[in-house]
Amino acid sequence: MGGGDVVRVGLIGCGRIGQVHCRALEWNPKADVVIAADFFLKAAESCAEKWGIPRAVQDWKEVVASPEVDAVVICSPSDTHCEIIIAAANAGKQIFCEKPIDYDLARIDEALSAVQSHGVKLQLGFQRRFDVNFVRVRDAVQNGEIGTPYMVNIISRDPAPPPIDYLKQSGGLFFDMMIHDFDMSRFVLGSEAVEISAVASSFDPAISEIGDVTSAIVTIKFENGAIGAIQCCRKAVYGYDQRIEVLGSSGAVETGNNYPNTAIISSDAAIRRDLPLNFFMDRYKEAYAAEMEAFIDMVRTGTDPVVGGIDGRIPVVMAYAAAKSLKEGRPVKLSEIK
């Protein structure tokens, strides 16, 4: 496309995250959503009415086949991503897809092969890479501001577990929740993991019954010699808890939670402030907008994606290694995961 062209976007999946991307695209004068699809037609029609999208359909294949669509934004259920990516690549569309590509590595490779063979671009939805706080942590590491990185510590806690029906198809904590943290660990360090160890437990009988866990700690060894720890928990009663710290040979860099305001209340009893933002869509609202802006710019200029297909594959490998470590009670090298 030419640098001055408006990108015509087809949205596939009109649920919660699809609406977030619609908001970001509405703000972007370089993009125009021309069609929306959802397995529930009423959801597509409601989305189209809310965001001024001229056409709503039930079958995502109509989006992929439309000559009026330059790029697709895939926000459908996880188990449909791979099929839609392959079809979109075959149709010559540029592609944005929410994580994961798939939970099966062979299927992921099939999708990435289709993208490559048809010469289209694929950007993965790891919105935390566009958060200004995490970007600053990465920059501090990559620019040598803290010297040689020794260790990274990531804390990731949700306010409450998702509905059990969602968890049944999510792939589990390592694949659904911690996958963002796996990506963030390699993003900020600029190095790949070589070995993973995991311990986990569950405080929720219903989640235990479906074979999942609610709390996990994963330790990681990286190629550059650094080590890392990721703490994930499905429930933190005080809000959405997202923190990261990297310690290096000449200093450290860290970032804490985001709050709805900066007010601090001081009295003779305590010094306190309001709770952190309680929902990931509030916490990462600006990051989602920046992520979609990067995708539209990629489509218009033909540059490589900021978060490419391989960035969608590696965290899945890390998740498999964590699951294997938990099951077998031993460290697992990523080279064991095929």
C-alpha atoms as a PDB file:
ATOM      1  CA  MET A   1       0.000   0.000   0.000  1.00  0.00           C
ATOM      2  CA  GLY A   2       1.006   3.598  -0.402  1.00  0.00           C
ATOM      3  CA  GLY A   3       1.964   5.555   2.698  1.00  0.00           C
ATOM      4  CA  GLY A   4      -1.068   7.825   2.322  1.00  0.00           C
ATOM      5  CA  ASP A   5      -3.674   5.102   1.878  1.00  0.00           C
ATOM      6  CA  VAL A   6      -6.349   4.303   4.441  1.00  0.00           C
ATOM      7  CA  VAL A   7      -6.265   0.652   5.500  1.00  0.00           C
ATOM      8  CA  ARG A   8      -9.611  -1.103   5.102  1.00  0.00           C
ATOM      9  CA  VAL A   9      -9.996  -3.472   8.046  1.00  0.00           C
ATOM     10  CA  GLY A  10     -12.179  -6.522   8.551  1.00  0.00           C
ATOM     11  CA  LEU A  11     -12.887  -7.429  12.174  1.00  0.00           C
ATOM     12  CA  ILE A  12     -13.390 -11.097  13.043  1.00  0.00           C
ATOM     13  CA  GLY A  13     -14.757 -11.550  16.553  1.00  0.00           C
ATOM     14  CA  CYS A  14     -16.884  -8.816  18.125  1.00  0.00           C
ATOM     15  CA  GLY A  15     -16.539  -9.689  21.789  1.00  0.00           C
ATOM     16  CA  ARG A  16     -14.714  -7.820  24.531  1.00  0.00           C
ATOM     17  CA  ILE A  17     -11.301  -7.573  22.894  1.00  0.00           C
ATOM     18  CA  GLY A  18     -12.800  -6.924  19.457  1.00  0.00           C
ATOM     19  CA  GLN A  19     -14.553  -3.875  20.909  1.00  0.00           C
ATOM     20  CA  VAL A  20     -11.246  -2.644  22.366  1.00  0.00           C
ATOM     21  CA  HIS A  21      -9.639  -2.785  18.931  1.00  0.00           C
ATOM     22  CA  CYS A  22     -12.656  -1.080  17.349  1.00  0.00           C
ATOM     23  CA  ARG A  23     -12.154   1.842  19.722  1.00  0.00           C
ATOM     24  CA  ALA A  24      -8.468   2.048  18.811  1.00  0.00           C
ATOM     25  CA  LEU A  25      -9.223   1.867  15.099  1.00  0.00           C
ATOM     26  CA  GLU A  26     -11.913   4.532  15.359  1.00  0.00           C
ATOM     27  CA  TRP A  27      -9.292   6.886  16.802  1.00  0.00           C
ATOM     28  CA  ASN A  28      -6.918   6.135  13.930  1.00  0.00           C
ATOM     29  CA  PRO A  29      -7.512   8.279  10.803  1.00  0.00           C
ATOM     30  CA  LYS A  30      -5.380   5.859   8.774  1.00  0.00           C
ATOM     31  CA  ALA A  31      -7.814   2.944   9.272  1.00  0.00           C
ATOM     32  CA  ASP A  32     -11.435   2.210   8.426  1.00  0.00           C
ATOM     33  CA  VAL A  33     -13.303  -0.869   9.663  1.00  0.00           C
ATOM     34  CA  VAL A  34     -15.524  -1.882   6.743  1.00  0.00           C
ATOM     35  CA  ILE A  35     -16.946  -5.223   7.927  1.00  0.00           C
ATOM     36  CA  ALA A  36     -17.419  -7.082  11.206  1.00  0.00           C
ATOM     37  CA  ALA A  37     -18.042 -10.798  11.686  1.00  0.00           C
ATOM     38  CA  ASP A  38     -18.993 -12.881  14.693  1.00  0.00           C
ATOM     39  CA  PHE A  39     -20.290 -16.412  15.165  1.00  0.00           C
ATOM     40  CA  PHE A  40     -23.276 -14.725  16.846  1.00  0.00           C
ATOM     41  CA  LEU A  41     -24.751 -12.437  14.221  1.00  0.00           C
ATOM     42  CA  LYS A  42     -26.390 -10.193  16.812  1.00  0.00           C
ATOM     43  CA  ALA A  43     -22.951  -9.510  18.308  1.00  0.00           C
ATOM     44  CA  ALA A  44     -21.640  -8.457  14.898  1.00  0.00           C
ATOM     45  CA  GLU A  45     -24.678  -6.262  14.260  1.00  0.00           C
ATOM     46  CA  SER A  46     -24.404  -4.630  17.686  1.00  0.00           C
ATOM     47  CA  CYS A  47     -20.709  -3.954  17.152  1.00  0.00           C
ATOM     48  CA  ALA A  48     -21.360  -2.519  13.696  1.00  0.00           C
ATOM     49  CA  GLU A  49     -24.065  -0.209  15.022  1.00  0.00           C
ATOM     50  CA  LYS A  50     -21.917   0.995  17.927  1.00  0.00           C
ATOM     51  CA  TRP A  51     -18.819   1.752  15.853  1.00  0.00           C
ATOM     52  CA  GLY A  52     -20.399   2.776  12.554  1.00  0.00           C
ATOM     53  CA  ILE A  53     -19.229  -0.286  10.614  1.00  0.00           C
ATOM     54  CA  PRO A  54     -21.222  -0.550   7.351  1.00  0.00           C
ATOM     55  CA  ARG A  55     -21.516  -4.329   7.180  1.00  0.00           C
ATOM     56  CA  ALA A  56     -22.071  -7.135   9.714  1.00  0.00           C
ATOM     57  CA  VAL A  57     -21.925 -10.862   8.914  1.00  0.00           C
ATOM     58  CA  GLN A  58     -21.867 -14.188  10.724  1.00  0.00           C
ATOM     59  CA  ASP A  59     -19.361 -16.044   8.568  1.00  0.00           C
ATOM     60  CA  TRP A  60     -15.743 -14.889   8.941  1.00  0.00           C
ATOM     61  CA  LYS A  61     -14.987 -16.304   5.502  1.00  0.00           C
ATOM     62  CA  GLU A  62     -16.922 -13.380   3.990  1.00  0.00           C
ATOM     63  CA  VAL A  63     -14.425 -11.025   5.609  1.00  0.00           C
ATOM     64  CA  VAL A  64     -11.422 -12.898   4.263  1.00  0.00           C
ATOM     65  CA  ALA A  65     -12.921 -13.150   0.769  1.00  0.00           C
ATOM     66  CA  SER A  66     -13.962  -9.501   0.512  1.00  0.00           C
ATOM     67  CA  PRO A  67     -11.991  -7.479  -2.071  1.00  0.00           C
ATOM     68  CA  GLU A  68     -12.758  -4.398   0.035  1.00  0.00           C
ATOM     69  CA  VAL A  69     -10.611  -5.681   2.946  1.00  0.00           C
ATOM     70  CA  ASP A  70      -6.875  -4.996   3.096  1.00  0.00           C
ATOM     71  CA  ALA A  71      -6.233  -6.399   6.566  1.00  0.00           C
ATOM     72  CA  VAL A  72      -7.997  -8.565   9.129  1.00  0.00           C
ATOM     73  CA  VAL A  73      -8.044  -8.235  12.902  1.00  0.00           C
ATOM     74  CA  ILE A  74      -8.708 -11.656  14.452  1.00  0.00           C
ATOM     75  CA  CYS A  75     -10.341 -11.620  17.891  1.00  0.00           C
ATOM     76  CA  SER A  76     -12.354 -14.833  17.618  1.00  0.00           C
ATOM     77  CA  PRO A  77     -12.074 -17.837  20.002  1.00  0.00           C
ATOM     78  CA  SER A  78      -8.532 -19.193  20.303  1.00  0.00           C
ATOM     79  CA  ASP A  79      -9.278 -22.494  18.590  1.00  0.00           C
ATOM     80  CA  THR A  80     -10.256 -20.662  15.377  1.00  0.00           C
ATOM     81  CA  HIS A  81      -7.140 -18.487  15.038  1.00  0.00           C
ATOM     82  CA  CYS A  82      -4.995 -20.856  13.046  1.00  0.00           C
ATOM     83  CA  GLU A  83      -7.630 -21.629  10.419  1.00  0.00           C
ATOM     84  CA  ILE A  84      -8.427 -17.953   9.933  1.00  0.00           C
ATOM     85  CA  ILE A  85      -4.744 -16.959   9.682  1.00  0.00           C
ATOM     86  CA  ILE A  86      -4.167 -19.548   6.966  1.00  0.00           C
ATOM     87  CA  ALA A  87      -7.269 -18.485   5.031  1.00  0.00           C
ATOM     88  CA  ALA A  88      -6.369 -14.803   5.335  1.00  0.00           C
ATOM     89  CA  ALA A  89      -2.812 -15.460   4.158  1.00  0.00           C
ATOM     90  CA  ASN A  90      -4.134 -17.421   1.194  1.00  0.00           C
ATOM     91  CA  ALA A  91      -6.334 -14.434   0.343  1.00  0.00           C
ATOM     92  CA  GLY A  92      -3.393 -12.030   0.535  1.00  0.00           C
ATOM     93  CA  LYS A  93      -4.653 -10.130   3.575  1.00  0.00           C
ATOM     94  CA  GLN A  94      -2.390  -8.549   6.174  1.00  0.00           C
ATOM     95  CA  ILE A  95      -3.093 -10.059   9.583  1.00  0.00           C
ATOM     96  CA  PHE A  96      -3.368  -9.046  13.198  1.00  0.00           C
ATOM     97  CA  CYS A  97      -4.228 -11.914  15.540  1.00  0.00           C
ATOM     98  CA  GLU A  98      -4.782 -12.044  19.263  1.00  0.00           C
ATOM     99  CA  LYS A  99      -2.695 -14.616  21.092  1.00  0.00           C
ATOM    100  CA  PRO A 100      -2.439 -17.550  20.777  1.00  0.00           C
ATOM    101  CA  ILE A 101      -1.923 -18.590  17.176  1.00  0.00           C
ATOM    102  CA  ASP A 102      -2.754 -22.074  18.428  1.00  0.00           C
ATOM    103  CA  TYR A 103      -1.787 -24.384  21.282  1.00  0.00           C
ATOM    104  CA  ASP A 104      -0.401 -27.009  18.890  1.00  0.00           C
ATOM    105  CA  LEU A 105       3.114 -26.257  17.638  1.00  0.00           C
ATOM    106  CA  ALA A 106       2.574 -28.100  14.349  1.00  0.00           C
ATOM    107  CA  ARG A 107      -0.493 -25.983  13.679  1.00  0.00           C
ATOM    108  CA  ILE A 108       1.417 -22.819  14.557  1.00  0.00           C
ATOM    109  CA  ASP A 109       4.133 -23.802  12.093  1.00  0.00           C
ATOM    110  CA  GLU A 110       1.485 -24.413   9.432  1.00  0.00           C
ATOM    111  CA  ALA A 111       0.078 -20.926   9.960  1.00  0.00           C
ATOM    112  CA  LEU A 112       3.502 -19.273   9.914  1.00  0.00           C
ATOM    113  CA  SER A 113       4.383 -21.166   6.747  1.00  0.00           C
ATOM    114  CA  ALA A 114       1.218 -19.886   5.042  1.00  0.00           C
ATOM    115  CA  VAL A 115       2.046 -16.317   6.068  1.00  0.00           C
ATOM    116  CA  GLN A 116       5.571 -16.616   4.704  1.00  0.00           C
ATOM    117  CA  SER A 117       4.689 -18.378   1.483  1.00  0.00           C
ATOM    118  CA  HIS A 118       2.044 -15.809   0.545  1.00  0.00           C
ATOM    119  CA  GLY A 119       4.223 -12.837   1.413  1.00  0.00           C
ATOM    120  CA  VAL A 120       1.855 -11.260   3.935  1.00  0.00           C
ATOM    121  CA  LYS A 121       2.589  -9.848   7.397  1.00  0.00           C
ATOM    122  CA  LEU A 122       1.375 -11.211  10.733  1.00  0.00           C
ATOM    123  CA  GLN A 123       1.372  -9.224  13.983  1.00  0.00           C
ATOM    124  CA  LEU A 124       0.563 -10.964  17.290  1.00  0.00           C
ATOM    125  CA  GLY A 125      -1.468  -9.374  20.049  1.00  0.00           C
ATOM    126  CA  PHE A 126       0.976  -9.008  22.934  1.00  0.00           C
ATOM    127  CA  GLN A 127      -0.182  -5.542  23.981  1.00  0.00           C
ATOM    128  CA  ARG A 128       2.154  -5.287  26.981  1.00  0.00           C
ATOM    129  CA  ARG A 129       5.049  -4.666  24.590  1.00  0.00           C
ATOM    130  CA  PHE A 130       3.403  -1.319  23.818  1.00  0.00           C
ATOM    131  CA  ASP A 131       2.979  -0.229  27.422  1.00  0.00           C
ATOM    132  CA  VAL A 132       5.211   2.801  28.019  1.00  0.00           C
ATOM    133  CA  ASN A 133       6.351   1.482  31.402  1.00  0.00           C
ATOM    134  CA  PHE A 134       7.507  -1.886  30.120  1.00  0.00           C
ATOM    135  CA  VAL A 135       9.073  -0.276  27.061  1.00  0.00           C
ATOM    136  CA  ARG A 136      11.116   1.934  29.375  1.00  0.00           C
ATOM    137  CA  VAL A 137      12.293  -1.142  31.322  1.00  0.00           C
ATOM    138  CA  ARG A 138      13.385  -2.795  28.081  1.00  0.00           C
ATOM    139  CA  ASP A 139      15.127   0.358  26.913  1.00  0.00           C
ATOM    140  CA  ALA A 140      17.043   0.619  30.196  1.00  0.00           C
ATOM    141  CA  VAL A 141      18.276  -2.949  29.763  1.00  0.00           C
ATOM    142  CA  GLN A 142      19.062  -2.702  26.053  1.00  0.00           C
ATOM    143  CA  ASN A 143      20.786   0.686  26.398  1.00  0.00           C
ATOM    144  CA  GLY A 144      23.079  -0.617  29.129  1.00  0.00           C
ATOM    145  CA  GLU A 145      21.716   1.735  31.790  1.00  0.00           C
ATOM    146  CA  ILE A 146      21.809  -1.029  34.418  1.00  0.00           C
ATOM    147  CA  GLY A 147      24.853  -2.864  33.075  1.00  0.00           C
ATOM    148  CA  THR A 148      24.760  -6.595  32.420  1.00  0.00           C
ATOM    149  CA  PRO A 149      21.345  -7.979  33.408  1.00  0.00           C
ATOM    150  CA  TYR A 150      21.518 -10.539  36.223  1.00  0.00           C
ATOM    151  CA  MET A 151      17.874 -11.334  36.905  1.00  0.00           C
ATOM    152  CA  VAL A 152      14.308 -10.385  36.047  1.00  0.00           C
ATOM    153  CA  ASN A 153      11.336 -10.667  38.379  1.00  0.00           C
ATOM    154  CA  ILE A 154       7.788 -10.450  37.029  1.00  0.00           C
ATOM    155  CA  ILE A 155       4.604 -10.343  39.125  1.00  0.00           C
ATOM    156  CA  SER A 156       1.296 -10.886  37.339  1.00  0.00           C
ATOM    157  CA  ARG A 157      -1.932 -11.217  39.326  1.00  0.00           C
ATOM    158  CA  ASP A 158      -5.536 -10.870  38.223  1.00  0.00           C
ATOM    159  CA  PRO A 159      -8.281  -9.394  40.437  1.00  0.00           C
ATOM    160  CA  ALA A 160     -10.374 -12.590  40.126  1.00  0.00           C
ATOM    161  CA  PRO A 161     -10.408 -15.802  38.081  1.00  0.00           C
ATOM    162  CA  PRO A 162     -12.216 -15.786  34.734  1.00  0.00           C
ATOM    163  CA  PRO A 163     -15.463 -17.766  34.374  1.00  0.00           C
ATOM    164  CA  ILE A 164     -14.968 -21.520  34.538  1.00  0.00           C
ATOM    165  CA  ASP A 165     -16.378 -21.985  31.017  1.00  0.00           C
ATOM    166  CA  TYR A 166     -13.625 -19.719  29.702  1.00  0.00           C
ATOM    167  CA  LEU A 167     -10.942 -21.581  31.640  1.00  0.00           C
ATOM    168  CA  LYS A 168     -12.092 -24.904  30.199  1.00  0.00           C
ATOM    169  CA  GLN A 169     -11.025 -23.789  26.712  1.00  0.00           C
ATOM    170  CA  SER A 170      -8.174 -21.444  27.694  1.00  0.00           C
ATOM    171  CA  GLY A 171      -5.362 -23.996  27.688  1.00  0.00           C
ATOM    172  CA  GLY A 172      -4.604 -23.380  31.358  1.00  0.00           C
ATOM    173  CA  LEU A 173      -2.715 -20.772  33.354  1.00  0.00           C
ATOM    174  CA  PHE A 174       0.636 -21.272  31.597  1.00  0.00           C
ATOM    175  CA  PHE A 175      -0.895 -20.930  28.122  1.00  0.00           C
ATOM    176  CA  ASP A 176      -3.547 -18.315  28.845  1.00  0.00           C
ATOM    177  CA  MET A 177      -2.262 -16.006  31.582  1.00  0.00           C
ATOM    178  CA  MET A 178       1.471 -16.542  31.999  1.00  0.00           C
ATOM    179  CA  ILE A 179       2.065 -16.556  28.254  1.00  0.00           C
ATOM    180  CA  HIS A 180       2.109 -12.738  28.413  1.00  0.00           C
ATOM    181  CA  ASP A 181       4.805 -12.906  31.076  1.00  0.00           C
ATOM    182  CA  PHE A 182       6.849 -15.422  29.120  1.00  0.00           C
ATOM    183  CA  ASP A 183       6.816 -12.956  26.241  1.00  0.00           C
ATOM    184  CA  MET A 184       7.639 -10.039  28.523  1.00  0.00           C
ATOM    185  CA  SER A 185      10.640 -11.822  30.034  1.00  0.00           C
ATOM    186  CA  ARG A 186      12.289 -12.306  26.635  1.00  0.00           C
ATOM    187  CA  PHE A 187      11.184  -8.834  25.498  1.00  0.00           C
ATOM    188  CA  VAL A 188      12.839  -6.927  28.339  1.00  0.00           C
ATOM    189  CA  LEU A 189      15.993  -9.079  28.497  1.00  0.00           C
ATOM    190  CA  GLY A 190      16.472  -9.425  24.746  1.00  0.00           C
ATOM    191  CA  SER A 191      17.441 -13.056  25.297  1.00  0.00           C
ATOM    192  CA  GLU A 192      15.788 -16.442  24.869  1.00  0.00           C
ATOM    193  CA  ALA A 193      14.962 -18.934  27.613  1.00  0.00           C
ATOM    194  CA  VAL A 194      16.870 -22.217  27.681  1.00  0.00           C
ATOM    195  CA  GLU A 195      15.459 -23.941  30.790  1.00  0.00           C
ATOM    196  CA  ILE A 196      12.265 -23.656  32.852  1.00  0.00           C
ATOM    197  CA  SER A 197      11.139 -24.977  36.240  1.00  0.00           C
ATOM    198  CA  ALA A 198       7.611 -24.667  37.611  1.00  0.00           C
ATOM    199  CA  VAL A 199       5.696 -25.145  40.849  1.00  0.00           C
ATOM    200  CA  ALA A 200       1.973 -24.499  41.191  1.00  0.00           C
ATOM    201  CA  SER A 201      -1.099 -24.959  43.366  1.00  0.00           C
ATOM    202  CA  SER A 202      -4.822 -24.220  43.303  1.00  0.00           C
ATOM    203  CA  PHE A 203      -7.044 -22.482  45.843  1.00  0.00           C
ATOM    204  CA  ASP A 204     -10.222 -23.061  43.815  1.00  0.00           C
ATOM    205  CA  PRO A 205     -11.780 -26.568  43.764  1.00  0.00           C
ATOM    206  CA  ALA A 206     -13.680 -25.859  40.540  1.00  0.00           C
ATOM    207  CA  ILE A 207     -10.469 -24.867  38.758  1.00  0.00           C
ATOM    208  CA  SER A 208      -8.657 -27.875  40.205  1.00  0.00           C
ATOM    209  CA  GLU A 209     -11.437 -30.108  38.904  1.00  0.00           C
ATOM    210  CA  ILE A 210     -10.744 -29.066  35.285  1.00  0.00           C
ATOM    211  CA  GLY A 211      -7.041 -29.808  35.743  1.00  0.00           C
ATOM    212  CA  ASP A 212      -5.826 -26.230  36.008  1.00  0.00           C
ATOM    213  CA  VAL A 213      -3.994 -24.256  38.705  1.00  0.00           C
ATOM    214  CA  THR A 214      -4.585 -20.808  40.172  1.00  0.00           C
ATOM    215  CA  SER A 215      -1.078 -19.914  41.394  1.00  0.00           C
ATOM    216  CA  ALA A 216       2.306 -20.648  39.853  1.00  0.00           C
ATOM    217  CA  ILE A 217       5.937 -19.659  40.124  1.00  0.00           C
ATOM    218  CA  VAL A 218       8.237 -20.318  37.176  1.00  0.00           C
ATOM    219  CA  THR A 219      11.993 -19.871  37.172  1.00  0.00           C
ATOM    220  CA  ILE A 220      13.898 -19.404  33.923  1.00  0.00           C
ATOM    221  CA  LYS A 221      17.484 -19.616  32.729  1.00  0.00           C
ATOM    222  CA  PHE A 222      18.310 -17.433  29.709  1.00  0.00           C
ATOM    223  CA  GLU A 223      20.917 -17.709  26.955  1.00  0.00           C
ATOM    224  CA  ASN A 224      22.682 -14.556  28.145  1.00  0.00           C
ATOM    225  CA  GLY A 225      23.249 -16.046  31.606  1.00  0.00           C
ATOM    226  CA  ALA A 226      20.482 -14.123  33.353  1.00  0.00           C
ATOM    227  CA  ILE A 227      17.862 -15.863  35.459  1.00  0.00           C
ATOM    228  CA  GLY A 228      14.220 -14.969  35.939  1.00  0.00           C
ATOM    229  CA  ALA A 229      11.175 -15.624  38.099  1.00  0.00           C
ATOM    230  CA  ILE A 230       7.527 -15.188  37.159  1.00  0.00           C
ATOM    231  CA  GLN A 231       4.759 -15.203  39.779  1.00  0.00           C
ATOM    232  CA  CYS A 232       1.208 -15.629  38.485  1.00  0.00           C
ATOM    233  CA  CYS A 233      -1.996 -15.801  40.492  1.00  0.00           C
ATOM    234  CA  ARG A 234      -5.614 -15.757  39.380  1.00  0.00           C
ATOM    235  CA  LYS A 235      -6.775 -13.691  42.377  1.00  0.00           C
ATOM    236  CA  ALA A 236      -5.418 -10.560  44.051  1.00  0.00           C
ATOM    237  CA  VAL A 237      -8.226  -8.912  46.019  1.00  0.00           C
ATOM    238  CA  TYR A 238      -6.670  -5.433  45.766  1.00  0.00           C
ATOM    239  CA  GLY A 239      -6.729  -5.254  41.952  1.00  0.00           C
ATOM    240  CA  TYR A 240      -4.771  -5.927  38.803  1.00  0.00           C
ATOM    241  CA  ASP A 241      -1.131  -6.374  39.838  1.00  0.00           C
ATOM    242  CA  GLN A 242       1.504  -5.990  37.096  1.00  0.00           C
ATOM    243  CA  ARG A 243       5.081  -5.329  38.187  1.00  0.00           C
ATOM    244  CA  ILE A 244       8.519  -6.010  36.792  1.00  0.00           C
ATOM    245  CA  GLU A 245      12.098  -5.504  37.959  1.00  0.00           C
ATOM    246  CA  VAL A 246      15.441  -6.180  36.284  1.00  0.00           C
ATOM    247  CA  LEU A 247      18.644  -6.186  38.315  1.00  0.00           C
ATOM    248  CA  GLY A 248      21.943  -5.628  36.563  1.00  0.00           C
ATOM    249  CA  SER A 249      25.635  -5.218  37.275  1.00  0.00           C
ATOM    250  CA  SER A 250      25.407  -1.443  37.683  1.00  0.00           C
ATOM    251  CA  GLY A 251      21.844  -0.854  38.786  1.00  0.00           C
ATOM    252  CA  ALA A 252      18.218  -1.880  38.534  1.00  0.00           C
ATOM    253  CA  VAL A 253      15.050  -0.802  36.772  1.00  0.00           C
ATOM    254  CA  GLU A 254      11.505  -1.482  37.902  1.00  0.00           C
ATOM    255  CA  THR A 255       7.947  -0.419  37.196  1.00  0.00           C
ATOM    256  CA  GLY A 256       4.884  -0.768  39.394  1.00  0.00           C
ATOM    257  CA  ASN A 257       1.128  -0.718  39.052  1.00  0.00           C
ATOM    258  CA  ASN A 258      -1.014   1.936  37.410  1.00  0.00           C
ATOM    259  CA  TYR A 259      -3.541   3.803  39.526  1.00  0.00           C
ATOM    260  CA  PRO A 260      -6.704   5.738  38.639  1.00  0.00           C
ATOM    261  CA  ASN A 261      -5.166   8.865  40.152  1.00  0.00           C
ATOM    262  CA  THR A 262      -2.027  10.124  41.901  1.00  0.00           C
ATOM    263  CA  ALA A 263      -3.735  11.310  45.097  1.00  0.00           C
ATOM    264  CA  ILE A 264      -2.238  10.207  48.417  1.00  0.00           C
ATOM    265  CA  ILE A 265      -4.276  10.663  51.599  1.00  0.00           C
ATOM    266  CA  SER A 266      -2.327  11.291  54.815  1.00  0.00           C
ATOM    267  CA  SER A 267      -3.799  11.254  58.299  1.00  0.00           C
ATOM    268  CA  ASP A 268      -2.710  10.542  61.863  1.00  0.00           C
ATOM    269  CA  ALA A 269      -3.734   6.917  61.329  1.00  0.00           C
ATOM    270  CA  ALA A 270      -2.208   6.052  57.938  1.00  0.00           C
ATOM    271  CA  ILE A 271      -0.950   7.177  54.583  1.00  0.00           C
ATOM    272  CA  ARG A 272      -2.975   5.586  51.828  1.00  0.00           C
ATOM    273  CA  ARG A 273      -4.088   5.810  48.233  1.00  0.00           C
ATOM    274  CA  ASP A 274      -6.813   4.278  46.047  1.00  0.00           C
ATOM    275  CA  LEU A 275      -6.441   0.734  44.752  1.00  0.00           C
ATOM    276  CA  PRO A 276      -4.688  -0.023  41.434  1.00  0.00           C
ATOM    277  CA  LEU A 277      -6.671  -0.207  38.221  1.00  0.00           C
ATOM    278  CA  ASN A 278      -8.829  -3.293  38.521  1.00  0.00           C
ATOM    279  CA  PHE A 279      -9.207  -4.454  34.910  1.00  0.00           C
ATOM    280  CA  PHE A 280      -6.667  -5.210  32.203  1.00  0.00           C
ATOM    281  CA  MET A 281      -8.567  -3.173  29.620  1.00  0.00           C
ATOM    282  CA  ASP A 282      -8.221  -0.094  31.808  1.00  0.00           C
ATOM    283  CA  ARG A 283      -4.588  -0.846  32.649  1.00  0.00           C
ATOM    284  CA  TYR A 284      -3.583  -1.292  29.017  1.00  0.00           C
ATOM    285  CA  LYS A 285      -5.996   1.054  27.230  1.00  0.00           C
ATOM    286  CA  GLU A 286      -3.203   3.184  25.767  1.00  0.00           C
ATOM    287  CA  ALA A 287      -1.108   0.098  24.971  1.00  0.00           C
ATOM    288  CA  TYR A 288      -3.949  -1.420  22.943  1.00  0.00           C
ATOM    289  CA  ALA A 289      -4.247   1.805  20.957  1.00  0.00           C
ATOM    290  CA  ALA A 290      -0.480   1.916  20.317  1.00  0.00           C
ATOM    291  CA  GLU A 291      -0.508  -1.756  19.321  1.00  0.00           C
ATOM    292  CA  MET A 292      -3.199  -1.196  16.710  1.00  0.00           C
ATOM    293  CA  GLU A 293      -1.482   1.950  15.447  1.00  0.00           C
ATOM    294  CA  ALA A 294       1.701  -0.099  14.913  1.00  0.00           C
ATOM    295  CA  PHE A 295      -0.287  -2.692  12.952  1.00  0.00           C
ATOM    296  CA  ILE A 296      -1.904  -0.117  10.672  1.00  0.00           C
ATOM    297  CA  ASP A 297       1.460   1.563  10.056  1.00  0.00           C
ATOM    298  CA  MET A 298       2.952  -1.848   9.225  1.00  0.00           C
ATOM    299  CA  VAL A 299       0.230  -2.495   6.634  1.00  0.00           C
ATOM    300  CA  ARG A 300       0.630   0.959   5.073  1.00  0.00           C
ATOM    301  CA  THR A 301       4.445   0.967   4.896  1.00  0.00           C
ATOM    302  CA  GLY A 302       5.231  -2.731   4.404  1.00  0.00           C
ATOM    303  CA  THR A 303       7.637  -2.808   7.345  1.00  0.00           C
ATOM    304  CA  ASP A 304       8.092  -5.900   9.494  1.00  0.00           C
ATOM    305  CA  PRO A 305       5.723  -6.379  12.434  1.00  0.00           C
ATOM    306  CA  VAL A 306       6.834  -5.234  15.877  1.00  0.00           C
ATOM    307  CA  VAL A 307       5.565  -8.552  17.265  1.00  0.00           C
ATOM    308  CA  GLY A 308       5.949 -11.243  14.619  1.00  0.00           C
ATOM    309  CA  GLY A 309       4.863 -14.840  14.210  1.00  0.00           C
ATOM    310  CA  ILE A 310       7.910 -16.282  15.962  1.00  0.00           C
ATOM    311  CA  ASP A 311       6.991 -14.137  18.969  1.00  0.00           C
ATOM    312  CA  GLY A 312       3.713 -16.035  19.030  1.00  0.00           C
ATOM    313  CA  ARG A 313       5.426 -19.416  18.868  1.00  0.00           C
ATOM    314  CA  ILE A 314       8.194 -19.090  21.473  1.00  0.00           C
ATOM    315  CA  PRO A 315       5.932 -18.312  24.470  1.00  0.00           C
ATOM    316  CA  VAL A 316       3.885 -21.416  23.633  1.00  0.00           C
ATOM    317  CA  VAL A 317       7.086 -23.480  23.747  1.00  0.00           C
ATOM    318  CA  MET A 318       7.837 -21.903  27.127  1.00  0.00           C
ATOM    319  CA  ALA A 319       4.328 -22.766  28.335  1.00  0.00           C
ATOM    320  CA  TYR A 320       4.773 -26.401  27.285  1.00  0.00           C
ATOM    321  CA  ALA A 321       8.099 -26.510  29.132  1.00  0.00           C
ATOM    322  CA  ALA A 322       6.458 -25.106  32.280  1.00  0.00           C
ATOM    323  CA  ALA A 323       3.615 -27.622  32.083  1.00  0.00           C
ATOM    324  CA  LYS A 324       6.083 -30.476  31.580  1.00  0.00           C
ATOM    325  CA  SER A 325       8.194 -29.283  34.509  1.00  0.00           C
ATOM    326  CA  LEU A 326       5.136 -29.138  36.763  1.00  0.00           C
ATOM    327  CA  LYS A 327       4.021 -32.621  35.716  1.00  0.00           C
ATOM    328  CA  GLU A 328       7.424 -34.272  35.991  1.00  0.00           C
ATOM    329  CA  GLY A 329       8.846 -32.286  38.904  1.00  0.00           C
ATOM    330  CA  ARG A 330      12.105 -31.314  37.194  1.00  0.00           C
ATOM    331  CA  PRO A 331      13.701 -28.516  35.163  1.00  0.00           C
ATOM    332  CA  VAL A 332      12.887 -28.771  31.460  1.00  0.00           C
ATOM    333  CA  LYS A 333      15.107 -27.507  28.658  1.00  0.00           C
ATOM    334  CA  LEU A 334      13.235 -25.784  25.856  1.00  0.00           C
ATOM    335  CA  SER A 335      15.111 -27.994  23.400  1.00  0.00           C
ATOM    336  CA  GLU A 336      13.009 -30.901  24.740  1.00  0.00           C
ATOM    337  CA  ILE A 337       9.816 -29.330  23.378  1.00  0.00           C
ATOM    338  CA  LYS A 338       9.249 -30.288  19.761  1.00  0.00           C
END
